[in-house]
C-alpha cells in the first residue's frame, strides 16, 4: 500500500509544483484631477512567454469630496521607445465607485515585460477619481500557442472631428497607411477601438448615432465596423446616477470598451507590405456653427434644424453641455503573433496630410504647424496660402526641421476661410484655415 501511495505521489508532482499565477500591482489609489495623465514605471516579469494569458483588473475609488458625477472617457497606455500604445479603454460611471472591470491584455505581452512605463488618463474635471490597476499573469496547462506578439500603432487620434467638414483637420476619411507585418510572424489582426462623443447634433452624433464604418485593405472594402453598443441597460455597473441606459456609439457609462478584432489570415501574409484605411460613414452636421456659406460666412444652421435633430437642443453654437462637437476617439493597431521573437519592421508610412497638424483652427490668424508622426519630409517644404477664390496671397519655404514646430502668422489677413497648401515630394496637402 505504501508503494502505491509513492507511485501516486510521483505522478502528481508535476501538477503540485506547477508555477502559480503572478500578479503585478500598479496604480493603487492614485488621484486623477484636471484631466491629468498619471505615469509611473513598474516592474513586470522579465519573461512572460510561459503565461497563457494576461488579465488586467482595474477599478475606481472616490477621493475626498466625492466621485466625479459624470461619465468620462479613460484609457491606460504603455510608453515604449518613444511610442505610446493604448492597451485598455473604459468610461467612468455616473458617480458609482463600486465597479470593477477586467480586460484580457494578452495581445500586449511584448509591452508588459521588464520595466514598464504605464500611463493612466481620465478626462475628468470635477472631483476626480482614484485609480487602481493590477495585472494577473495566468499559467495555463501548457505553453501558449503564440508566446510572442508585436504591436504597431496605425492610428491613435483622440480628436477626430466628425461631420464639421469646414473646420475638420482631416477629410472625413482617415488616411491610408502603409505598413508591413513581421517576416517571422504566423498571423496578424487589426484591432480597432473607437468611441463616439458629442451630442445635440444631426443624428445626435457622435455619441448617440449608430454608424457603420469600412475597413479597406489594399484599397478594397474588406470589413465593416458597426459602431454601436445596444446593451448599456444590462451593464453590471449599476445603478448609476445619470442617463446610463441608452445605447451609444461603441461604449456605455461605467463599462470597459471591448476592442473589435479583424483576422487578416488569408488576406495579409507574414512579411507582406499592405495598406489599410478606416473609412468613416458619410455624415454632415447641419446643426453646427460651421454649417455656413464658405465664402460669405452666412449661417445656414437654424434653431429649427437643431430642434428637428434632437428634442433637447435648438441652438447652433456649441455650449459645452447639451450641444458639443461630434468627434471620435480612435485607436487602430496591427497585432502580430509568433512562436519566436518577432523581427521588428519599418515604421508605418503616413501620407503628408496625416503627418502634419495645424492648430488652433479657427484662430486669430496665428497657426502652429507640427509633425504628428515620425514621417519627416526629406527636403524643403513649400507653404502656400490661397483665398477662397484661389488667389495665391502668401508663400513660404521651410525645411523639415522647421516643420517640427512652425509658427504661421496670417494675422494681417481679413477674417474668412483660406486654403493652406503644404507641398513636398510626399505629395500635397490642402488644409482649410479659418480666421475669425
Protein backbone atom coordinates (compact mmCIF):
# COMPACT_ATOMS: atom_id res chain seq x y z
CA UNK A 1 0.00 0.00 0.00
CA UNK A 2 2.87 2.41 0.85
CA UNK A 3 4.39 1.65 -2.56
CA UNK A 4 1.07 2.58 -4.24
CA UNK A 5 0.97 5.90 -2.36
CA UNK A 6 4.53 6.58 -3.52
CA UNK A 7 3.60 5.97 -7.17
CA UNK A 8 0.53 8.26 -6.93
CA UNK A 9 2.61 11.00 -5.32
CA UNK A 10 5.22 10.79 -8.09
CA UNK A 11 2.50 11.08 -10.73
CA UNK A 12 1.01 14.15 -9.05
CA UNK A 13 4.29 16.06 -8.60
CA UNK A 14 4.14 17.89 -11.98
CA UNK A 15 0.71 19.27 -11.04
CA UNK A 16 1.66 20.10 -7.46
CA UNK A 17 4.74 22.12 -8.44
CA UNK A 18 3.12 23.97 -11.33
CA UNK A 19 4.04 27.65 -11.13
CA UNK A 20 1.46 29.90 -9.60
CA UNK A 21 -0.14 32.94 -11.22
CA UNK A 22 1.80 36.18 -10.78
CA UNK A 23 0.10 39.50 -10.02
CA UNK A 24 1.79 42.85 -10.62
CA UNK A 25 0.30 45.68 -8.58
CA UNK A 26 0.49 49.07 -10.30
CA UNK A 27 -1.60 52.16 -9.56
CA UNK A 28 -3.03 51.94 -6.05
CA UNK A 29 -5.33 54.86 -5.28
CA UNK A 30 -3.54 57.38 -7.49
CA UNK A 31 -5.54 60.59 -7.90
CA UNK A 32 -6.84 61.88 -11.23
CA UNK A 33 -7.89 65.54 -11.37
CA UNK A 34 -7.95 68.19 -14.07
CA UNK A 35 -7.76 65.65 -16.92
CA UNK A 36 -4.16 64.86 -15.98
CA UNK A 37 -2.14 61.85 -17.12
CA UNK A 38 -0.54 59.65 -14.47
CA UNK A 39 2.74 58.00 -15.47
CA UNK A 40 4.82 55.61 -13.42
CA UNK A 41 7.32 52.81 -14.07
CA UNK A 42 6.51 49.35 -12.67
CA UNK A 43 8.48 46.10 -12.69
CA UNK A 44 6.83 43.26 -14.64
CA UNK A 45 8.17 39.73 -15.26
CA UNK A 46 11.26 39.84 -17.49
CA UNK A 47 9.90 36.92 -19.48
CA UNK A 48 6.15 36.36 -19.84
CA UNK A 49 6.17 33.84 -22.69
CA UNK A 50 5.22 30.95 -20.37
CA UNK A 51 1.93 32.56 -19.32
CA UNK A 52 -1.20 31.56 -21.17
CA UNK A 53 -2.96 34.90 -20.64
CA UNK A 54 -2.55 38.31 -19.02
CA UNK A 55 -5.59 39.86 -17.36
CA UNK A 56 -5.86 43.49 -16.32
CA UNK A 57 -8.10 44.14 -13.30
CA UNK A 58 -8.90 47.78 -12.65
CA UNK A 59 -11.32 49.83 -10.58
CA UNK A 60 -12.04 53.34 -9.28
CA UNK A 61 -12.47 54.97 -5.92
CA UNK A 62 -13.79 58.29 -4.67
CA UNK A 63 -11.36 60.97 -3.49
CA UNK A 64 -12.12 63.27 -0.59
CA UNK A 65 -15.17 65.28 -1.62
CA UNK A 66 -16.78 62.50 -3.65
CA UNK A 67 -16.56 60.98 -7.12
CA UNK A 68 -16.83 62.78 -10.41
CA UNK A 69 -20.60 62.62 -11.11
CA UNK A 70 -20.20 62.42 -14.91
CA UNK A 71 -19.27 59.70 -17.40
CA UNK A 72 -15.71 60.36 -18.58
CA UNK A 73 -13.68 58.56 -21.23
CA UNK A 74 -10.48 56.99 -19.90
CA UNK A 75 -7.67 54.72 -21.02
CA UNK A 76 -4.45 53.01 -20.00
CA UNK A 77 -1.39 53.02 -22.23
CA UNK A 78 2.22 51.88 -22.26
CA UNK A 79 5.06 54.07 -23.48
CA UNK A 80 7.91 52.18 -25.12
CA UNK A 81 10.81 53.56 -27.14
CA UNK A 82 9.09 56.89 -27.62
CA UNK A 83 5.79 55.45 -28.82
CA UNK A 84 2.59 55.21 -26.77
CA UNK A 85 0.27 52.20 -27.12
CA UNK A 86 -3.28 52.15 -25.78
CA UNK A 87 -3.91 48.84 -24.01
CA UNK A 88 -7.30 49.41 -22.34
CA UNK A 89 -10.17 51.91 -22.59
CA UNK A 90 -13.22 52.43 -20.42
CA UNK A 91 -15.76 55.06 -19.46
CA UNK A 92 -16.29 56.04 -15.84
CA UNK A 93 -19.76 55.57 -14.30
CA UNK A 94 -22.06 58.34 -13.15
CA UNK A 95 -20.67 58.68 -9.63
CA UNK A 96 -20.64 54.95 -8.78
CA UNK A 97 -17.33 53.82 -7.25
CA UNK A 98 -18.34 50.19 -6.61
CA UNK A 99 -17.44 48.85 -10.05
CA UNK A 100 -14.57 46.67 -11.18
CA UNK A 101 -13.52 45.63 -14.66
CA UNK A 102 -11.29 43.00 -16.26
CA UNK A 103 -9.81 43.09 -19.76
CA UNK A 104 -7.70 40.44 -21.47
CA UNK A 105 -4.47 42.21 -22.47
CA UNK A 106 -2.55 39.11 -23.59
CA UNK A 107 -2.00 40.63 -27.04
CA UNK A 108 0.20 43.24 -25.38
CA UNK A 109 2.59 40.76 -23.78
CA UNK A 110 5.52 42.28 -25.74
CA UNK A 111 4.84 45.59 -23.94
CA UNK A 112 4.21 44.10 -20.48
CA UNK A 113 7.63 42.80 -19.53
CA UNK A 114 10.61 44.20 -17.68
CA UNK A 115 10.38 47.86 -16.66
CA UNK A 116 7.04 49.16 -17.95
CA UNK A 117 6.14 52.85 -18.21
CA UNK A 118 2.40 52.67 -17.57
CA UNK A 119 0.09 55.65 -18.10
CA UNK A 120 -3.46 56.32 -16.94
CA UNK A 121 -5.73 59.05 -18.30
CA UNK A 122 -9.25 60.13 -17.33
CA UNK A 123 -10.97 63.12 -18.92
CA UNK A 124 -12.18 64.21 -15.50
CA UNK A 125 -12.61 67.79 -14.35
CA UNK A 126 -14.87 67.81 -11.28
CA UNK A 127 -13.86 65.98 -8.07
CA UNK A 128 -11.80 63.37 -9.89
CA UNK A 129 -11.18 59.66 -9.35
CA UNK A 130 -8.77 57.31 -7.59
CA UNK A 131 -7.44 54.57 -9.88
CA UNK A 132 -6.40 51.01 -9.07
CA UNK A 133 -4.91 48.53 -11.56
CA UNK A 134 -3.36 45.06 -11.27
CA UNK A 135 -2.04 42.71 -13.95
CA UNK A 136 -2.51 38.97 -13.47
CA UNK A 137 -0.21 36.64 -15.39
CA UNK A 138 -2.11 33.36 -15.68
CA UNK A 139 -0.40 29.98 -16.01
CA UNK A 140 -2.18 27.54 -18.28
CA UNK A 141 -1.96 23.78 -18.70
CA UNK A 142 0.82 24.18 -21.23
CA UNK A 143 2.85 26.67 -23.20
CA UNK A 144 0.80 29.35 -25.01
CA UNK A 145 0.27 28.78 -28.72
CA UNK A 146 1.73 32.18 -29.59
CA UNK A 147 4.16 33.27 -26.86
CA UNK A 148 5.35 36.35 -28.78
CA UNK A 149 3.50 39.36 -30.10
CA UNK A 150 4.30 42.61 -31.87
CA UNK A 151 2.15 45.77 -31.77
CA UNK A 152 2.23 48.58 -34.32
CA UNK A 153 0.18 51.75 -33.97
CA UNK A 154 -1.70 52.59 -37.15
CA UNK A 155 -3.99 55.38 -35.95
CA UNK A 156 -4.10 56.89 -32.46
CA UNK A 157 -6.17 60.04 -32.65
CA UNK A 158 -8.39 61.15 -29.79
CA UNK A 159 -9.96 64.12 -31.57
CA UNK A 160 -11.26 63.07 -34.98
CA UNK A 161 -13.87 65.71 -35.81
CA UNK A 162 -16.85 64.06 -37.48
CA UNK A 163 -19.22 65.97 -39.74
CA UNK A 164 -17.86 69.51 -39.30
CA UNK A 165 -16.01 69.30 -42.62
CA UNK A 166 -15.38 73.04 -42.82
CA UNK A 167 -13.02 73.03 -39.84
CA UNK A 168 -12.05 69.35 -39.55
CA UNK A 169 -8.26 68.94 -39.74
CA UNK A 170 -8.74 65.88 -41.94
CA UNK A 171 -11.14 64.81 -44.64
CA UNK A 172 -13.98 62.61 -43.41
CA UNK A 173 -11.81 59.55 -44.08
CA UNK A 174 -8.71 58.83 -42.08
CA UNK A 175 -5.52 58.38 -44.12
CA UNK A 176 -4.45 55.27 -45.96
CA UNK A 177 -1.47 53.87 -44.06
CA UNK A 178 1.25 51.60 -45.44
CA UNK A 179 2.78 49.02 -43.10
CA UNK A 180 4.49 45.62 -43.05
CA UNK A 181 3.85 42.51 -40.97
CA UNK A 182 6.88 40.87 -39.27
CA UNK A 183 8.61 38.40 -41.58
CA UNK A 184 8.59 35.59 -38.99
CA UNK A 185 5.03 36.15 -37.72
CA UNK A 186 2.37 33.47 -38.05
CA UNK A 187 -0.65 35.71 -38.50
CA UNK A 188 -1.89 39.22 -37.71
CA UNK A 189 -5.06 41.07 -36.73
CA UNK A 190 -6.34 44.62 -36.96
CA UNK A 191 -7.59 45.88 -33.60
CA UNK A 192 -9.98 48.85 -33.56
CA UNK A 193 -11.15 50.80 -30.52
CA UNK A 194 -13.46 53.68 -31.40
CA UNK A 195 -15.88 55.61 -29.21
CA UNK A 196 -18.21 58.38 -30.38
CA UNK A 197 -18.70 61.58 -28.40
CA UNK A 198 -20.66 64.82 -28.75
CA UNK A 199 -24.43 65.39 -28.71
CA UNK A 200 -27.17 67.76 -29.84
CA UNK A 201 -26.10 67.46 -33.49
CA UNK A 202 -27.65 65.99 -36.62
CA UNK A 203 -28.44 62.34 -35.77
CA UNK A 204 -27.44 63.27 -32.20
CA UNK A 205 -23.89 62.38 -33.26
CA UNK A 206 -21.48 61.16 -32.44
CA UNK A 207 -22.38 59.68 -29.04
CA UNK A 208 -25.89 58.55 -29.88
CA UNK A 209 -25.59 57.93 -33.65
CA UNK A 210 -25.20 54.34 -34.91
CA UNK A 211 -22.77 54.32 -37.83
CA UNK A 212 -21.13 51.63 -39.92
CA UNK A 213 -17.55 52.38 -40.97
CA UNK A 214 -15.50 50.43 -43.51
CA UNK A 215 -12.00 48.97 -43.25
CA UNK A 216 -10.13 48.88 -46.54
CA UNK A 217 -7.19 46.57 -47.18
CA UNK A 218 -5.08 47.38 -50.24
CA UNK A 219 -7.73 49.79 -51.43
CA UNK A 220 -10.61 47.32 -51.23
CA UNK A 221 -13.54 47.29 -48.74
CA UNK A 222 -12.78 44.23 -46.61
CA UNK A 223 -14.52 44.59 -43.23
CA UNK A 224 -17.33 46.61 -41.66
CA UNK A 225 -17.20 48.16 -38.21
CA UNK A 226 -20.66 48.55 -36.69
CA UNK A 227 -20.06 51.23 -34.09
CA UNK A 228 -22.97 50.72 -31.72
CA UNK A 229 -23.40 49.39 -28.17
CA UNK A 230 -27.02 48.38 -27.68
CA UNK A 231 -26.84 46.74 -24.23
CA UNK A 232 -25.97 49.64 -21.91
CA UNK A 233 -29.08 48.91 -19.83
CA UNK A 234 -27.63 45.49 -18.94
CA UNK A 235 -24.45 46.99 -17.52
CA UNK A 236 -23.46 45.29 -14.26
CA UNK A 237 -22.01 48.60 -13.05
CA UNK A 238 -25.37 49.82 -11.83
CA UNK A 239 -27.31 51.58 -10.64
CA UNK A 240 -25.78 54.86 -11.73
CA UNK A 241 -26.90 58.40 -11.12
CA UNK A 242 -27.24 59.67 -14.68
CA UNK A 243 -28.53 58.75 -18.12
CA UNK A 244 -26.58 55.49 -18.33
CA UNK A 245 -29.03 53.10 -20.02
CA UNK A 246 -29.38 54.43 -23.63
CA UNK A 247 -27.33 52.79 -26.38
CA UNK A 248 -24.19 54.59 -27.54
CA UNK A 249 -21.54 54.63 -30.25
CA UNK A 250 -19.16 51.94 -29.05
CA UNK A 251 -19.37 52.42 -25.28
CA UNK A 252 -21.52 52.51 -22.16
CA UNK A 253 -21.07 54.56 -18.97
CA UNK A 254 -19.30 52.52 -16.30
CA UNK A 255 -18.03 49.83 -18.65
CA UNK A 256 -14.83 48.69 -20.30
CA UNK A 257 -14.59 49.16 -24.08
CA UNK A 258 -14.02 45.78 -25.72
CA UNK A 259 -11.83 46.05 -28.85
CA UNK A 260 -13.06 44.80 -32.23
CA UNK A 261 -10.53 42.48 -33.88
CA UNK A 262 -10.35 41.60 -37.58
CA UNK A 263 -8.41 38.48 -38.56
CA UNK A 264 -6.07 39.11 -41.51
CA UNK A 265 -5.31 35.41 -42.10
CA UNK A 266 -5.52 34.66 -45.81
CA UNK A 267 -5.63 38.39 -46.59
CA UNK A 268 -2.25 39.70 -45.41
CA UNK A 269 0.65 37.28 -45.14
CA UNK A 270 3.81 37.32 -42.97
CA UNK A 271 6.36 39.81 -44.25
CA UNK A 272 3.83 41.45 -46.57
CA UNK A 273 3.57 45.19 -47.11
CA UNK A 274 -0.01 46.39 -47.41
CA UNK A 275 -2.24 49.44 -46.98
CA UNK A 276 -5.19 49.89 -44.68
CA UNK A 277 -7.70 52.70 -44.21
CA UNK A 278 -10.56 53.29 -41.79
CA UNK A 279 -13.31 54.90 -43.90
CA UNK A 280 -15.97 56.73 -41.92
CA UNK A 281 -19.61 56.60 -42.95
CA UNK A 282 -20.58 59.77 -44.80
CA UNK A 283 -22.02 62.35 -42.43
CA UNK A 284 -22.55 66.12 -42.34
CA UNK A 285 -23.55 68.02 -39.24
CA UNK A 286 -26.25 70.54 -40.21
CA UNK A 287 -26.72 71.63 -36.59
CA UNK A 288 -23.32 73.27 -36.33
CA UNK A 289 -21.84 76.78 -36.10
CA UNK A 290 -19.73 75.72 -39.08
CA UNK A 291 -22.70 74.98 -41.33
CA UNK A 292 -22.07 78.24 -43.19
CA UNK A 293 -21.56 79.62 -46.66
CA UNK A 294 -17.79 79.11 -47.20
CA UNK A 295 -17.43 82.48 -48.93
CA UNK A 296 -19.73 84.86 -47.07
CA UNK A 297 -19.84 83.03 -43.72
CA UNK A 298 -23.65 83.31 -43.81
CA UNK A 299 -25.00 80.85 -41.24
CA UNK A 300 -27.07 78.08 -42.81
CA UNK A 301 -27.79 76.43 -39.47
CA UNK A 302 -31.04 77.47 -37.80
CA UNK A 303 -32.66 76.63 -34.44
CA UNK A 304 -35.33 74.64 -36.28
CA UNK A 305 -32.67 72.47 -37.92
CA UNK A 306 -31.24 71.68 -34.49
CA UNK A 307 -34.58 71.08 -32.77
CA UNK A 308 -35.56 68.73 -35.58
CA UNK A 309 -32.41 66.71 -34.92
CA UNK A 310 -32.79 66.43 -31.14
CA UNK A 311 -35.50 67.25 -28.63
CA UNK A 312 -33.17 68.98 -26.17
CA UNK A 313 -31.13 71.36 -28.34
CA UNK A 314 -32.23 74.27 -30.53
CA UNK A 315 -29.02 76.29 -30.82
CA UNK A 316 -26.30 76.10 -33.46
CA UNK A 317 -23.40 77.13 -31.24
CA UNK A 318 -21.61 74.57 -29.14
CA UNK A 319 -22.16 75.19 -25.43
CA UNK A 320 -20.04 72.50 -23.70
CA UNK A 321 -23.25 70.92 -22.38
CA UNK A 322 -26.28 69.91 -24.40
CA UNK A 323 -24.50 70.70 -27.70
CA UNK A 324 -20.92 69.51 -28.21
CA UNK A 325 -18.93 68.89 -31.36
CA UNK A 326 -19.23 65.35 -32.79
CA UNK A 327 -15.92 63.52 -32.58
CA UNK A 328 -14.35 60.09 -32.41
CA UNK A 329 -11.51 58.81 -30.26
CA UNK A 330 -9.83 56.16 -32.40
CA UNK A 331 -7.06 53.65 -31.77
CA UNK A 332 -6.15 51.19 -34.55
CA UNK A 333 -3.30 48.71 -34.16
CA UNK A 334 -1.71 45.88 -36.11
CA UNK A 335 -1.04 42.99 -33.73
CA UNK A 336 1.07 40.07 -34.96
CA UNK A 337 1.67 36.67 -33.34
CA UNK A 338 4.64 34.33 -33.49
CA UNK A 339 6.30 31.27 -31.98
CA UNK A 340 9.62 33.11 -31.63
CA UNK A 341 10.65 36.73 -31.02
CA UNK A 342 9.24 38.80 -33.84
CA UNK A 343 11.57 40.82 -36.03
CA UNK A 344 10.63 44.50 -35.97
CA UNK A 345 9.51 46.08 -39.24
CA UNK A 346 9.73 49.59 -40.62
CA UNK A 347 7.60 52.31 -39.04
CA UNK A 348 4.19 52.64 -40.75
CA UNK A 349 4.20 55.22 -43.54
CA UNK A 350 1.62 58.02 -43.49
CA UNK A 351 0.63 60.46 -46.22
CA UNK A 352 1.63 64.03 -45.51
CA UNK A 353 -1.96 65.04 -44.69
CA UNK A 354 -1.80 62.92 -41.55
CA UNK A 355 1.80 63.75 -40.70
CA UNK A 356 1.01 67.45 -40.31
CA UNK A 357 -1.23 69.10 -37.73
CA UNK A 358 -2.35 72.74 -37.91
CA UNK A 359 -3.70 74.33 -34.74
CA UNK A 360 -5.55 76.18 -33.40
CA UNK A 361 -8.08 76.27 -36.18
CA UNK A 362 -10.09 78.55 -36.23
CA UNK A 363 -7.69 81.16 -34.83
CA UNK A 364 -6.99 84.88 -34.84
CA UNK A 365 -4.53 84.36 -37.67
CA UNK A 366 -1.67 82.71 -35.78
CA UNK A 367 -1.35 79.00 -36.59
CA UNK A 368 1.13 76.38 -35.36
CA UNK A 369 2.25 73.65 -37.77
CA UNK A 370 3.64 70.44 -36.32
CA UNK A 371 4.52 66.94 -37.44
CA UNK A 372 2.27 64.45 -35.65
CA UNK A 373 4.04 61.21 -36.71
CA UNK A 374 7.60 60.09 -37.34
CA UNK A 375 7.14 60.81 -41.04
CA UNK A 376 9.57 63.61 -41.91
CA UNK A 377 9.88 65.16 -45.37
CA UNK A 378 13.47 64.88 -46.57
CA UNK A 379 13.67 68.23 -48.32
CA UNK A 380 12.33 71.77 -48.23
CA UNK A 381 8.59 72.21 -47.97
CA UNK A 382 6.55 74.86 -49.71
CA UNK A 383 3.74 76.56 -47.79
CA UNK A 384 1.21 78.43 -49.92
CA UNK A 385 -1.95 80.19 -48.74
CA UNK A 386 -4.85 80.85 -51.12
CA UNK A 387 -8.02 82.82 -50.57
CA UNK A 388 -11.38 81.22 -51.28
CA UNK A 389 -11.23 82.48 -54.89
CA UNK A 390 -7.96 80.58 -55.41
CA UNK A 391 -5.59 83.56 -55.45
CA UNK A 392 -2.09 83.00 -54.05
CA UNK A 393 -1.75 85.51 -51.19
CA UNK A 394 1.13 84.07 -49.14
CA UNK A 395 4.09 81.80 -49.81
CA UNK A 396 6.92 80.49 -47.66
CA UNK A 397 9.61 77.82 -47.96
CA UNK A 398 10.78 75.99 -44.85
CA UNK A 399 12.93 72.93 -44.14
CA UNK A 400 11.78 69.76 -42.43
CA UNK A 401 13.30 70.78 -39.09
CA UNK A 402 11.21 73.96 -39.04
CA UNK A 403 8.10 71.88 -39.69
CA UNK A 404 8.60 70.17 -36.34
CA UNK A 405 7.12 73.33 -34.81
CA UNK A 406 6.46 76.23 -37.17
CA UNK A 407 4.55 79.43 -36.47
CA UNK A 408 2.48 80.66 -39.42
CA UNK A 409 1.49 84.31 -38.98
CA UNK A 410 -1.51 85.33 -41.09
CA UNK A 411 -2.82 87.90 -38.64
CA UNK A 412 -2.65 90.62 -41.31
CA UNK A 413 -5.35 88.86 -43.34
CA UNK A 414 -9.05 89.60 -43.02
CA UNK A 415 -11.42 87.20 -41.29
CA UNK A 416 -12.57 84.41 -43.58
CA UNK A 417 -11.70 80.99 -44.95
CA UNK A 418 -8.34 80.30 -46.59
CA UNK A 419 -6.62 77.24 -48.01
CA UNK A 420 -3.13 76.22 -46.90
CA UNK A 421 -1.17 74.01 -49.30
CA UNK A 422 1.74 72.05 -47.87
CA UNK A 423 3.81 70.52 -50.68
CA UNK A 424 6.72 68.09 -50.57
CA UNK A 425 7.88 65.04 -52.51
CA UNK A 426 5.39 63.03 -50.43
CA UNK A 427 2.56 64.91 -52.06
CA UNK A 428 0.36 67.91 -51.42
CA UNK A 429 -1.93 68.52 -48.50
CA UNK A 430 -4.71 71.12 -48.52
CA UNK A 431 -5.89 72.36 -45.11
CA UNK A 432 -8.73 74.81 -44.55
CA UNK A 433 -7.76 77.72 -42.32
CA UNK A 434 -10.41 79.84 -40.60
CA UNK A 435 -9.51 83.32 -39.33
CA UNK A 436 -12.10 84.95 -37.13
